Amino acid sequence: NVIAGYQWDVISDPQWTATGLLVYLSGDVSVKLNTISGDGTDIGVAAYYSGTVNVQNNVIGRTPPGDGDIIDAYGIGVEFYGNGGKSKIVNNKFSGWATAFVGQDLSKNNVVTP
């Protein structure tokens, strides 16, 4: 699969984000063999309050925000929060993110380039 992310440029409280792939209140999920990219994408894969979420063998990249985009508040390749299982990020290629991944048990053979 090829998934194009997006950015949500707005100054607000709370700050909003856009994501390429959102896993929310789900059971166990595997995200694998995808290409996820996009101009200034806020978050490539976001997994919140789900079971075991495994993100493996993906190319997860983004290009910098375009001209005139002055807000780049996130820039996270994969973010996990509140998942119940032993979620992992394994054998992915990350590029262009301010932070490649955030969450638990995530550093397994990933390649991260600026």
PDB file of N, CA and C in Angstrom:
ATOM      1  N   ASN A   1       0.831  -1.183   0.000  1.00  0.00           N
ATOM      2  CA  ASN A   1       0.000   0.000   0.000  1.00  0.00           C
ATOM      3  C   ASN A   1       0.873   1.243   0.000  1.00  0.00           C
ATOM      4  N   VAL A   2       0.378   2.289  -0.593  1.00  0.00           N
ATOM      5  CA  VAL A   2       1.029   3.592  -0.544  1.00  0.00           C
ATOM      6  C   VAL A   2       0.053   4.547   0.129  1.00  0.00           C
ATOM      7  N   ILE A   3       0.497   5.147   1.226  1.00  0.00           N
ATOM      8  CA  ILE A   3      -0.357   6.028   2.014  1.00  0.00           C
ATOM      9  C   ILE A   3       0.273   7.407   2.057  1.00  0.00           C
ATOM     10  N   ALA A   4      -0.476   8.430   1.679  1.00  0.00           N
ATOM     11  CA  ALA A   4       0.015   9.803   1.723  1.00  0.00           C
ATOM     12  C   ALA A   4      -0.535  10.487   2.966  1.00  0.00           C
ATOM     13  N   GLY A   5       0.376  10.998   3.788  1.00  0.00           N
ATOM     14  CA  GLY A   5      -0.021  11.718   4.990  1.00  0.00           C
ATOM     15  C   GLY A   5      -0.345  13.160   4.674  1.00  0.00           C
ATOM     16  N   TYR A   6      -0.591  13.934   5.709  1.00  0.00           N
ATOM     17  CA  TYR A   6      -1.013  15.306   5.559  1.00  0.00           C
ATOM     18  C   TYR A   6      -0.521  16.095   6.766  1.00  0.00           C
ATOM     19  N   GLN A   7      -0.599  17.388   6.699  1.00  0.00           N
ATOM     20  CA  GLN A   7      -0.283  18.217   7.854  1.00  0.00           C
ATOM     21  C   GLN A   7      -1.462  19.119   8.175  1.00  0.00           C
ATOM     22  N   TRP A   8      -1.596  19.440   9.433  1.00  0.00           N
ATOM     23  CA  TRP A   8      -2.668  20.297   9.906  1.00  0.00           C
ATOM     24  C   TRP A   8      -2.005  21.518  10.504  1.00  0.00           C
ATOM     25  N   ASP A   9      -1.914  22.577   9.747  1.00  0.00           N
ATOM     26  CA  ASP A   9      -1.232  23.788  10.204  1.00  0.00           C
ATOM     27  C   ASP A   9      -2.235  24.774  10.769  1.00  0.00           C
ATOM     28  N   VAL A  10      -2.328  24.780  12.061  1.00  0.00           N
ATOM     29  CA  VAL A  10      -3.213  25.729  12.708  1.00  0.00           C
ATOM     30  C   VAL A  10      -2.654  26.009  14.101  1.00  0.00           C
ATOM     31  N   ILE A  11      -2.700  27.234  14.488  1.00  0.00           N
ATOM     32  CA  ILE A  11      -2.310  27.576  15.846  1.00  0.00           C
ATOM     33  C   ILE A  11      -3.582  27.568  16.674  1.00  0.00           C
ATOM     34  N   SER A  12      -3.690  26.605  17.573  1.00  0.00           N
ATOM     35  CA  SER A  12      -4.894  26.477  18.381  1.00  0.00           C
ATOM     36  C   SER A  12      -4.535  25.834  19.712  1.00  0.00           C
ATOM     37  N   ASP A  13      -5.460  25.870  20.618  1.00  0.00           N
ATOM     38  CA  ASP A  13      -5.288  25.200  21.892  1.00  0.00           C
ATOM     39  C   ASP A  13      -6.552  24.396  22.141  1.00  0.00           C
ATOM     40  N   PRO A  14      -6.567  23.086  22.052  1.00  0.00           N
ATOM     41  CA  PRO A  14      -5.373  22.258  21.892  1.00  0.00           C
ATOM     42  C   PRO A  14      -4.867  22.259  20.448  1.00  0.00           C
ATOM     43  N   GLN A  15      -3.614  21.857  20.275  1.00  0.00           N
ATOM     44  CA  GLN A  15      -3.007  21.761  18.945  1.00  0.00           C
ATOM     45  C   GLN A  15      -3.505  20.481  18.279  1.00  0.00           C
ATOM     46  N   TRP A  16      -3.929  20.538  17.045  1.00  0.00           N
ATOM     47  CA  TRP A  16      -4.433  19.390  16.304  1.00  0.00           C
ATOM     48  C   TRP A  16      -3.353  18.840  15.392  1.00  0.00           C
ATOM     49  N   THR A  17      -3.464  17.581  15.030  1.00  0.00           N
ATOM     50  CA  THR A  17      -2.513  16.964  14.109  1.00  0.00           C
ATOM     51  C   THR A  17      -3.259  16.154  13.061  1.00  0.00           C
ATOM     52  N   ALA A  18      -2.573  15.870  11.967  1.00  0.00           N
ATOM     53  CA  ALA A  18      -3.088  14.975  10.938  1.00  0.00           C
ATOM     54  C   ALA A  18      -2.141  13.789  10.841  1.00  0.00           C
ATOM     55  N   THR A  19      -2.659  12.632  10.473  1.00  0.00           N
ATOM     56  CA  THR A  19      -1.841  11.426  10.422  1.00  0.00           C
ATOM     57  C   THR A  19      -2.118  10.640   9.150  1.00  0.00           C
ATOM     58  N   GLY A  20      -1.099   9.897   8.696  1.00  0.00           N
ATOM     59  CA  GLY A  20      -1.268   9.052   7.518  1.00  0.00           C
ATOM     60  C   GLY A  20      -2.143   7.841   7.815  1.00  0.00           C
ATOM     61  N   LEU A  21      -1.885   7.176   8.954  1.00  0.00           N
ATOM     62  CA  LEU A  21      -2.633   5.975   9.331  1.00  0.00           C
ATOM     63  C   LEU A  21      -2.938   6.044  10.824  1.00  0.00           C
ATOM     64  N   LEU A  22      -4.215   6.002  11.182  1.00  0.00           N
ATOM     65  CA  LEU A  22      -4.634   6.088  12.567  1.00  0.00           C
ATOM     66  C   LEU A  22      -5.248   4.760  13.013  1.00  0.00           C
ATOM     67  N   VAL A  23      -4.694   4.207  14.098  1.00  0.00           N
ATOM     68  CA  VAL A  23      -5.251   3.016  14.751  1.00  0.00           C
ATOM     69  C   VAL A  23      -5.760   3.494  16.101  1.00  0.00           C
ATOM     70  N   TYR A  24      -7.083   3.459  16.316  1.00  0.00           N
ATOM     71  CA  TYR A  24      -7.667   4.030  17.521  1.00  0.00           C
ATOM     72  C   TYR A  24      -8.735   3.101  18.086  1.00  0.00           C
ATOM     73  N   LEU A  25      -8.601   2.751  19.369  1.00  0.00           N
ATOM     74  CA  LEU A  25      -9.551   1.878  20.049  1.00  0.00           C
ATOM     75  C   LEU A  25      -9.782   0.591  19.264  1.00  0.00           C
ATOM     76  N   SER A  26      -8.698  -0.012  18.827  1.00  0.00           N
ATOM     77  CA  SER A  26      -8.772  -1.214  18.005  1.00  0.00           C
ATOM     78  C   SER A  26      -8.264  -2.414  18.800  1.00  0.00           C
ATOM     79  N   GLY A  27      -8.450  -3.589  18.255  1.00  0.00           N
ATOM     80  CA  GLY A  27      -7.850  -4.791  18.821  1.00  0.00           C
ATOM     81  C   GLY A  27      -6.394  -4.870  18.389  1.00  0.00           C
ATOM     82  N   ASP A  28      -5.910  -6.069  18.147  1.00  0.00           N
ATOM     83  CA  ASP A  28      -4.534  -6.266  17.684  1.00  0.00           C
ATOM     84  C   ASP A  28      -4.444  -5.924  16.201  1.00  0.00           C
ATOM     85  N   VAL A  29      -3.368  -5.212  15.828  1.00  0.00           N
ATOM     86  CA  VAL A  29      -3.216  -4.733  14.451  1.00  0.00           C
ATOM     87  C   VAL A  29      -1.770  -4.909  14.009  1.00  0.00           C
ATOM     88  N   SER A  30      -1.576  -5.326  12.759  1.00  0.00           N
ATOM     89  CA  SER A  30      -0.255  -5.337  12.130  1.00  0.00           C
ATOM     90  C   SER A  30      -0.267  -4.359  10.976  1.00  0.00           C
ATOM     91  N   VAL A  31       0.706  -3.467  10.976  1.00  0.00           N
ATOM     92  CA  VAL A  31       0.890  -2.517   9.877  1.00  0.00           C
ATOM     93  C   VAL A  31       2.201  -2.917   9.221  1.00  0.00           C
ATOM     94  N   LYS A  32       2.133  -3.508   8.023  1.00  0.00           N
ATOM     95  CA  LYS A  32       3.368  -3.973   7.407  1.00  0.00           C
ATOM     96  C   LYS A  32       3.335  -3.849   5.892  1.00  0.00           C
ATOM     97  N   LEU A  33       4.547  -3.702   5.354  1.00  0.00           N
ATOM     98  CA  LEU A  33       4.779  -3.644   3.914  1.00  0.00           C
ATOM     99  C   LEU A  33       4.080  -2.459   3.247  1.00  0.00           C
ATOM    100  N   ASN A  34       4.136  -1.287   3.887  1.00  0.00           N
ATOM    101  CA  ASN A  34       3.536  -0.065   3.351  1.00  0.00           C
ATOM    102  C   ASN A  34       4.610   0.974   3.070  1.00  0.00           C
ATOM    103  N   THR A  35       4.278   1.903   2.204  1.00  0.00           N
ATOM    104  CA  THR A  35       5.068   3.117   2.018  1.00  0.00           C
ATOM    105  C   THR A  35       4.188   4.268   2.479  1.00  0.00           C
ATOM    106  N   ILE A  36       4.649   4.953   3.509  1.00  0.00           N
ATOM    107  CA  ILE A  36       3.892   6.057   4.092  1.00  0.00           C
ATOM    108  C   ILE A  36       4.736   7.312   3.945  1.00  0.00           C
ATOM    109  N   SER A  37       4.181   8.340   3.312  1.00  0.00           N
ATOM    110  CA  SER A  37       4.949   9.559   3.064  1.00  0.00           C
ATOM    111  C   SER A  37       4.001  10.740   2.945  1.00  0.00           C
ATOM    112  N   GLY A  38       4.580  11.916   2.726  1.00  0.00           N
ATOM    113  CA  GLY A  38       3.760  13.095   2.494  1.00  0.00           C
ATOM    114  C   GLY A  38       4.498  14.360   2.857  1.00  0.00           C
ATOM    115  N   ASP A  39       4.102  15.437   2.239  1.00  0.00           N
ATOM    116  CA  ASP A  39       4.694  16.749   2.459  1.00  0.00           C
ATOM    117  C   ASP A  39       4.359  17.248   3.862  1.00  0.00           C
ATOM    118  N   GLY A  40       5.356  17.278   4.758  1.00  0.00           N
ATOM    119  CA  GLY A  40       5.161  17.816   6.096  1.00  0.00           C
ATOM    120  C   GLY A  40       4.192  17.041   6.966  1.00  0.00           C
ATOM    121  N   THR A  41       4.006  15.746   6.681  1.00  0.00           N
ATOM    122  CA  THR A  41       3.063  14.940   7.457  1.00  0.00           C
ATOM    123  C   THR A  41       3.339  15.086   8.947  1.00  0.00           C
ATOM    124  N   ASP A  42       2.272  15.289   9.743  1.00  0.00           N
ATOM    125  CA  ASP A  42       2.440  15.443  11.184  1.00  0.00           C
ATOM    126  C   ASP A  42       2.877  14.136  11.840  1.00  0.00           C
ATOM    127  N   ILE A  43       2.117  13.056  11.637  1.00  0.00           N
ATOM    128  CA  ILE A  43       2.422  11.746  12.199  1.00  0.00           C
ATOM    129  C   ILE A  43       2.181  10.699  11.116  1.00  0.00           C
ATOM    130  N   GLY A  44       3.162   9.822  10.883  1.00  0.00           N
ATOM    131  CA  GLY A  44       3.010   8.774   9.876  1.00  0.00           C
ATOM    132  C   GLY A  44       2.006   7.715  10.295  1.00  0.00           C
ATOM    133  N   VAL A  45       2.237   7.080  11.457  1.00  0.00           N
ATOM    134  CA  VAL A  45       1.331   6.075  12.014  1.00  0.00           C
ATOM    135  C   VAL A  45       1.090   6.443  13.474  1.00  0.00           C
ATOM    136  N   ALA A  46      -0.170   6.581  13.849  1.00  0.00           N
ATOM    137  CA  ALA A  46      -0.535   6.860  15.236  1.00  0.00           C
ATOM    138  C   ALA A  46      -1.397   5.714  15.734  1.00  0.00           C
ATOM    139  N   ALA A  47      -1.002   5.098  16.852  1.00  0.00           N
ATOM    140  CA  ALA A  47      -1.762   3.991  17.433  1.00  0.00           C
ATOM    141  C   ALA A  47      -2.058   4.317  18.887  1.00  0.00           C
ATOM    142  N   TYR A  48      -3.334   4.500  19.197  1.00  0.00           N
ATOM    143  CA  TYR A  48      -3.761   4.923  20.527  1.00  0.00           C
ATOM    144  C   TYR A  48      -4.821   3.971  21.094  1.00  0.00           C
ATOM    145  N   TYR A  49      -4.634   3.571  22.350  1.00  0.00           N
ATOM    146  CA  TYR A  49      -5.627   2.811  23.107  1.00  0.00           C
ATOM    147  C   TYR A  49      -6.103   1.557  22.383  1.00  0.00           C
ATOM    148  N   SER A  50      -5.174   0.827  21.811  1.00  0.00           N
ATOM    149  CA  SER A  50      -5.494  -0.395  21.083  1.00  0.00           C
ATOM    150  C   SER A  50      -4.823  -1.581  21.754  1.00  0.00           C
ATOM    151  N   GLY A  51      -4.940  -2.753  21.149  1.00  0.00           N
ATOM    152  CA  GLY A  51      -4.284  -3.947  21.672  1.00  0.00           C
ATOM    153  C   GLY A  51      -2.805  -3.925  21.309  1.00  0.00           C
ATOM    154  N   THR A  52      -2.295  -5.050  20.846  1.00  0.00           N
ATOM    155  CA  THR A  52      -0.918  -5.126  20.369  1.00  0.00           C
ATOM    156  C   THR A  52      -0.866  -4.558  18.961  1.00  0.00           C
ATOM    157  N   VAL A  53      -0.018  -3.569  18.750  1.00  0.00           N
ATOM    158  CA  VAL A  53       0.134  -2.947  17.436  1.00  0.00           C
ATOM    159  C   VAL A  53       1.580  -3.136  16.995  1.00  0.00           C
ATOM    160  N   ASN A  54       1.774  -3.873  15.920  1.00  0.00           N
ATOM    161  CA  ASN A  54       3.113  -4.093  15.381  1.00  0.00           C
ATOM    162  C   ASN A  54       3.249  -3.370  14.051  1.00  0.00           C
ATOM    163  N   VAL A  55       4.272  -2.543  13.955  1.00  0.00           N
ATOM    164  CA  VAL A  55       4.572  -1.797  12.740  1.00  0.00           C
ATOM    165  C   VAL A  55       5.902  -2.345  12.227  1.00  0.00           C
ATOM    166  N   GLN A  56       5.866  -3.035  11.084  1.00  0.00           N
ATOM    167  CA  GLN A  56       7.074  -3.722  10.635  1.00  0.00           C
ATOM    168  C   GLN A  56       7.221  -3.717   9.120  1.00  0.00           C
ATOM    169  N   ASN A  57       8.492  -3.625   8.705  1.00  0.00           N
ATOM    170  CA  ASN A  57       8.866  -3.698   7.287  1.00  0.00           C
ATOM    171  C   ASN A  57       8.176  -2.647   6.424  1.00  0.00           C
ATOM    172  N   ASN A  58       8.128  -1.409   6.915  1.00  0.00           N
ATOM    173  CA  ASN A  58       7.538  -0.297   6.185  1.00  0.00           C
ATOM    174  C   ASN A  58       8.610   0.719   5.823  1.00  0.00           C
ATOM    175  N   VAL A  59       8.333   1.528   4.836  1.00  0.00           N
ATOM    176  CA  VAL A  59       9.125   2.719   4.536  1.00  0.00           C
ATOM    177  C   VAL A  59       8.260   3.893   4.984  1.00  0.00           C
ATOM    178  N   ILE A  60       8.731   4.587   6.020  1.00  0.00           N
ATOM    179  CA  ILE A  60       7.934   5.651   6.632  1.00  0.00           C
ATOM    180  C   ILE A  60       8.749   6.943   6.538  1.00  0.00           C
ATOM    181  N   GLY A  61       8.421   7.769   5.555  1.00  0.00           N
ATOM    182  CA  GLY A  61       9.198   8.989   5.324  1.00  0.00           C
ATOM    183  C   GLY A  61       8.302  10.175   5.071  1.00  0.00           C
ATOM    184  N   ARG A  62       8.917  11.322   5.074  1.00  0.00           N
ATOM    185  CA  ARG A  62       8.181  12.531   4.719  1.00  0.00           C
ATOM    186  C   ARG A  62       9.166  13.539   4.165  1.00  0.00           C
ATOM    187  N   THR A  63       8.641  14.420   3.358  1.00  0.00           N
ATOM    188  CA  THR A  63       9.435  15.553   2.906  1.00  0.00           C
ATOM    189  C   THR A  63       9.145  16.707   3.850  1.00  0.00           C
ATOM    190  N   PRO A  64      10.042  17.673   3.940  1.00  0.00           N
ATOM    191  CA  PRO A  64       9.793  18.814   4.822  1.00  0.00           C
ATOM    192  C   PRO A  64       8.529  19.562   4.403  1.00  0.00           C
ATOM    193  N   PRO A  65       7.926  20.299   5.344  1.00  0.00           N
ATOM    194  CA  PRO A  65       6.759  21.100   4.980  1.00  0.00           C
ATOM    195  C   PRO A  65       7.090  22.045   3.819  1.00  0.00           C
ATOM    196  N   GLY A  66       6.108  22.326   2.979  1.00  0.00           N
ATOM    197  CA  GLY A  66       6.312  23.169   1.809  1.00  0.00           C
ATOM    198  C   GLY A  66       6.559  24.632   2.149  1.00  0.00           C
ATOM    199  N   ASP A  67       6.911  25.390   1.146  1.00  0.00           N
ATOM    200  CA  ASP A  67       7.131  26.824   1.321  1.00  0.00           C
ATOM    201  C   ASP A  67       5.878  27.478   1.887  1.00  0.00           C
ATOM    202  N   GLY A  68       6.076  28.363   2.831  1.00  0.00           N
ATOM    203  CA  GLY A  68       4.959  29.069   3.433  1.00  0.00           C
ATOM    204  C   GLY A  68       4.371  28.371   4.646  1.00  0.00           C
ATOM    205  N   ASP A  69       4.740  27.097   4.863  1.00  0.00           N
ATOM    206  CA  ASP A  69       4.269  26.379   6.044  1.00  0.00           C
ATOM    207  C   ASP A  69       5.199  26.708   7.204  1.00  0.00           C
ATOM    208  N   ILE A  70       4.719  27.494   8.127  1.00  0.00           N
ATOM    209  CA  ILE A  70       5.585  27.938   9.216  1.00  0.00           C
ATOM    210  C   ILE A  70       5.445  27.095  10.470  1.00  0.00           C
ATOM    211  N   ILE A  71       4.458  26.211  10.504  1.00  0.00           N
ATOM    212  CA  ILE A  71       4.238  25.378  11.679  1.00  0.00           C
ATOM    213  C   ILE A  71       4.632  23.941  11.351  1.00  0.00           C
ATOM    214  N   ASP A  72       5.490  23.374  12.165  1.00  0.00           N
ATOM    215  CA  ASP A  72       5.850  21.963  12.045  1.00  0.00           C
ATOM    216  C   ASP A  72       5.978  21.436  13.467  1.00  0.00           C
ATOM    217  N   ALA A  73       4.837  21.356  14.148  1.00  0.00           N
ATOM    218  CA  ALA A  73       4.833  21.072  15.587  1.00  0.00           C
ATOM    219  C   ALA A  73       5.061  19.606  15.925  1.00  0.00           C
ATOM    220  N   TYR A  74       4.889  18.703  14.985  1.00  0.00           N
ATOM    221  CA  TYR A  74       4.976  17.284  15.313  1.00  0.00           C
ATOM    222  C   TYR A  74       6.107  16.605  14.557  1.00  0.00           C
ATOM    223  N   GLY A  75       5.856  16.062  13.396  1.00  0.00           N
ATOM    224  CA  GLY A  75       6.901  15.371  12.647  1.00  0.00           C
ATOM    225  C   GLY A  75       7.346  14.080  13.300  1.00  0.00           C
ATOM    226  N   ILE A  76       6.379  13.211  13.664  1.00  0.00           N
ATOM    227  CA  ILE A  76       6.663  11.937  14.327  1.00  0.00           C
ATOM    228  C   ILE A  76       6.347  10.807  13.354  1.00  0.00           C
ATOM    229  N   GLY A  77       7.307   9.912  13.140  1.00  0.00           N
ATOM    230  CA  GLY A  77       7.095   8.783  12.235  1.00  0.00           C
ATOM    231  C   GLY A  77       6.026   7.827  12.733  1.00  0.00           C
ATOM    232  N   VAL A  78       6.190   7.315  13.964  1.00  0.00           N
ATOM    233  CA  VAL A  78       5.209   6.426  14.582  1.00  0.00           C
ATOM    234  C   VAL A  78       5.058   6.830  16.043  1.00  0.00           C
ATOM    235  N   GLU A  79       3.809   6.957  16.485  1.00  0.00           N
ATOM    236  CA  GLU A  79       3.547   7.281  17.883  1.00  0.00           C
ATOM    237  C   GLU A  79       2.580   6.272  18.472  1.00  0.00           C
ATOM    238  N   PHE A  80       2.976   5.678  19.620  1.00  0.00           N
ATOM    239  CA  PHE A  80       2.119   4.756  20.360  1.00  0.00           C
ATOM    240  C   PHE A  80       1.743   5.404  21.679  1.00  0.00           C
ATOM    241  N   TYR A  81       0.483   5.240  22.089  1.00  0.00           N
ATOM    242  CA  TYR A  81       0.075   5.738  23.393  1.00  0.00           C
ATOM    243  C   TYR A  81      -1.097   4.902  23.901  1.00  0.00           C
ATOM    244  N   GLY A  82      -0.956   4.356  25.080  1.00  0.00           N
ATOM    245  CA  GLY A  82      -2.054   3.667  25.745  1.00  0.00           C
ATOM    246  C   GLY A  82      -2.437   2.322  25.163  1.00  0.00           C
ATOM    247  N   ASN A  83      -1.556   1.684  24.398  1.00  0.00           N
ATOM    248  CA  ASN A  83      -1.864   0.376  23.828  1.00  0.00           C
ATOM    249  C   ASN A  83      -1.683  -0.706  24.895  1.00  0.00           C
ATOM    250  N   GLY A  84      -2.565  -1.707  24.884  1.00  0.00           N
ATOM    251  CA  GLY A  84      -2.567  -2.710  25.927  1.00  0.00           C
ATOM    252  C   GLY A  84      -1.559  -3.827  25.760  1.00  0.00           C
ATOM    253  N   GLY A  85      -1.213  -4.166  24.548  1.00  0.00           N
ATOM    254  CA  GLY A  85      -0.310  -5.290  24.312  1.00  0.00           C
ATOM    255  C   GLY A  85       1.144  -4.863  24.256  1.00  0.00           C
ATOM    256  N   LYS A  86       2.005  -5.803  23.889  1.00  0.00           N
ATOM    257  CA  LYS A  86       3.425  -5.527  23.757  1.00  0.00           C
ATOM    258  C   LYS A  86       3.696  -5.104  22.308  1.00  0.00           C
ATOM    259  N   SER A  87       3.384  -3.869  22.008  1.00  0.00           N
ATOM    260  CA  SER A  87       3.522  -3.326  20.656  1.00  0.00           C
ATOM    261  C   SER A  87       4.990  -3.141  20.290  1.00  0.00           C
ATOM    262  N   LYS A  88       5.287  -3.258  18.987  1.00  0.00           N
ATOM    263  CA  LYS A  88       6.670  -3.132  18.526  1.00  0.00           C
ATOM    264  C   LYS A  88       6.729  -2.395  17.196  1.00  0.00           C
ATOM    265  N   ILE A  89       7.885  -1.789  16.963  1.00  0.00           N
ATOM    266  CA  ILE A  89       8.225  -1.214  15.664  1.00  0.00           C
ATOM    267  C   ILE A  89       9.516  -1.889  15.237  1.00  0.00           C
ATOM    268  N   VAL A  90       9.462  -2.676  14.147  1.00  0.00           N
ATOM    269  CA  VAL A  90      10.579  -3.535  13.770  1.00  0.00           C
ATOM    270  C   VAL A  90      10.873  -3.412  12.275  1.00  0.00           C
ATOM    271  N   ASN A  91      12.161  -3.291  11.931  1.00  0.00           N
ATOM    272  CA  ASN A  91      12.639  -3.339  10.540  1.00  0.00           C
ATOM    273  C   ASN A  91      11.967  -2.330   9.612  1.00  0.00           C
ATOM    274  N   ASN A  92      11.826  -1.104  10.060  1.00  0.00           N
ATOM    275  CA  ASN A  92      11.263  -0.035   9.235  1.00  0.00           C
ATOM    276  C   ASN A  92      12.375   0.914   8.814  1.00  0.00           C
ATOM    277  N   LYS A  93      12.146   1.652   7.741  1.00  0.00           N
ATOM    278  CA  LYS A  93      13.066   2.698   7.292  1.00  0.00           C
ATOM    279  C   LYS A  93      12.368   4.039   7.468  1.00  0.00           C
ATOM    280  N   PHE A  94      12.944   4.874   8.341  1.00  0.00           N
ATOM    281  CA  PHE A  94      12.392   6.192   8.634  1.00  0.00           C
ATOM    282  C   PHE A  94      13.253   7.264   7.985  1.00  0.00           C
ATOM    283  N   SER A  95      12.635   8.302   7.432  1.00  0.00           N
ATOM    284  CA  SER A  95      13.407   9.446   6.930  1.00  0.00           C
ATOM    285  C   SER A  95      12.567  10.714   7.000  1.00  0.00           C
ATOM    286  N   GLY A  96      13.242  11.818   7.332  1.00  0.00           N
ATOM    287  CA  GLY A  96      12.622  13.134   7.302  1.00  0.00           C
ATOM    288  C   GLY A  96      11.828  13.523   8.526  1.00  0.00           C
ATOM    289  N   TRP A  97      11.806  12.713   9.568  1.00  0.00           N
ATOM    290  CA  TRP A  97      10.995  12.999  10.746  1.00  0.00           C
ATOM    291  C   TRP A  97      11.796  13.764  11.780  1.00  0.00           C
ATOM    292  N   ALA A  98      11.134  14.645  12.520  1.00  0.00           N
ATOM    293  CA  ALA A  98      11.775  15.301  13.656  1.00  0.00           C
ATOM    294  C   ALA A  98      12.073  14.263  14.731  1.00  0.00           C
ATOM    295  N   THR A  99      11.139  13.311  14.940  1.00  0.00           N
ATOM    296  CA  THR A  99      11.301  12.189  15.863  1.00  0.00           C
ATOM    297  C   THR A  99      10.806  10.945  15.142  1.00  0.00           C
ATOM    298  N   ALA A 100      11.638   9.910  15.058  1.00  0.00           N
ATOM    299  CA  ALA A 100      11.240   8.715  14.308  1.00  0.00           C
ATOM    300  C   ALA A 100      10.103   7.962  14.988  1.00  0.00           C
ATOM    301  N   PHE A 101      10.220   7.700  16.299  1.00  0.00           N
ATOM    302  CA  PHE A 101       9.158   6.969  16.976  1.00  0.00           C
ATOM    303  C   PHE A 101       9.096   7.317  18.449  1.00  0.00           C
ATOM    304  N   VAL A 102       7.874   7.246  18.980  1.00  0.00           N
ATOM    305  CA  VAL A 102       7.598   7.573  20.374  1.00  0.00           C
ATOM    306  C   VAL A 102       6.683   6.490  20.925  1.00  0.00           C
ATOM    307  N   GLY A 103       7.025   5.927  22.080  1.00  0.00           N
ATOM    308  CA  GLY A 103       6.173   4.924  22.701  1.00  0.00           C
ATOM    309  C   GLY A 103       6.987   3.863  23.397  1.00  0.00           C
ATOM    310  N   GLN A 104       6.421   2.651  23.488  1.00  0.00           N
ATOM    311  CA  GLN A 104       7.074   1.575  24.218  1.00  0.00           C
ATOM    312  C   GLN A 104       7.654   0.506  23.302  1.00  0.00           C
ATOM    313  N   ASP A 105       8.758  -0.121  23.731  1.00  0.00           N
ATOM    314  CA  ASP A 105       9.393  -1.259  23.025  1.00  0.00           C
ATOM    315  C   ASP A 105       9.568  -1.020  21.536  1.00  0.00           C
ATOM    316  N   LEU A 106      10.220   0.064  21.174  1.00  0.00           N
ATOM    317  CA  LEU A 106      10.199   0.459  19.771  1.00  0.00           C
ATOM    318  C   LEU A 106      11.510   0.297  19.008  1.00  0.00           C
ATOM    319  N   SER A 107      12.611   0.124  19.641  1.00  0.00           N
ATOM    320  CA  SER A 107      13.896   0.210  18.944  1.00  0.00           C
ATOM    321  C   SER A 107      14.416  -1.145  18.493  1.00  0.00           C
ATOM    322  N   LYS A 108      13.815  -1.759  17.505  1.00  0.00           N
ATOM    323  CA  LYS A 108      14.216  -3.068  17.000  1.00  0.00           C
ATOM    324  C   LYS A 108      14.606  -2.985  15.527  1.00  0.00           C
ATOM    325  N   ASN A 109      15.886  -2.856  15.250  1.00  0.00           N
ATOM    326  CA  ASN A 109      16.422  -2.934  13.888  1.00  0.00           C
ATOM    327  C   ASN A 109      15.810  -1.944  12.902  1.00  0.00           C
ATOM    328  N   ASN A 110      15.514  -0.746  13.346  1.00  0.00           N
ATOM    329  CA  ASN A 110      14.989   0.286  12.456  1.00  0.00           C
ATOM    330  C   ASN A 110      16.135   1.114  11.908  1.00  0.00           C
ATOM    331  N   VAL A 111      15.974   1.634  10.709  1.00  0.00           N
ATOM    332  CA  VAL A 111      16.960   2.532  10.098  1.00  0.00           C
ATOM    333  C   VAL A 111      16.363   3.923  10.078  1.00  0.00           C
ATOM    334  N   VAL A 112      17.062   4.870  10.713  1.00  0.00           N
ATOM    335  CA  VAL A 112      16.560   6.238  10.805  1.00  0.00           C
ATOM    336  C   VAL A 112      17.553   7.166  10.130  1.00  0.00           C
ATOM    337  N   THR A 113      17.094   7.940   9.151  1.00  0.00           N
ATOM    338  CA  THR A 113      17.929   8.944   8.498  1.00  0.00           C
ATOM    339  C   THR A 113      17.226  10.295   8.591  1.00  0.00           C
ATOM    340  N   PRO A 114      18.029  11.366   8.685  1.00  0.00           N
ATOM    341  CA  PRO A 114      17.408  12.703   8.788  1.00  0.00           C
ATOM    342  C   PRO A 114      16.606  13.071   7.556  1.00  0.00           C
TER     343      PRO A 114
END
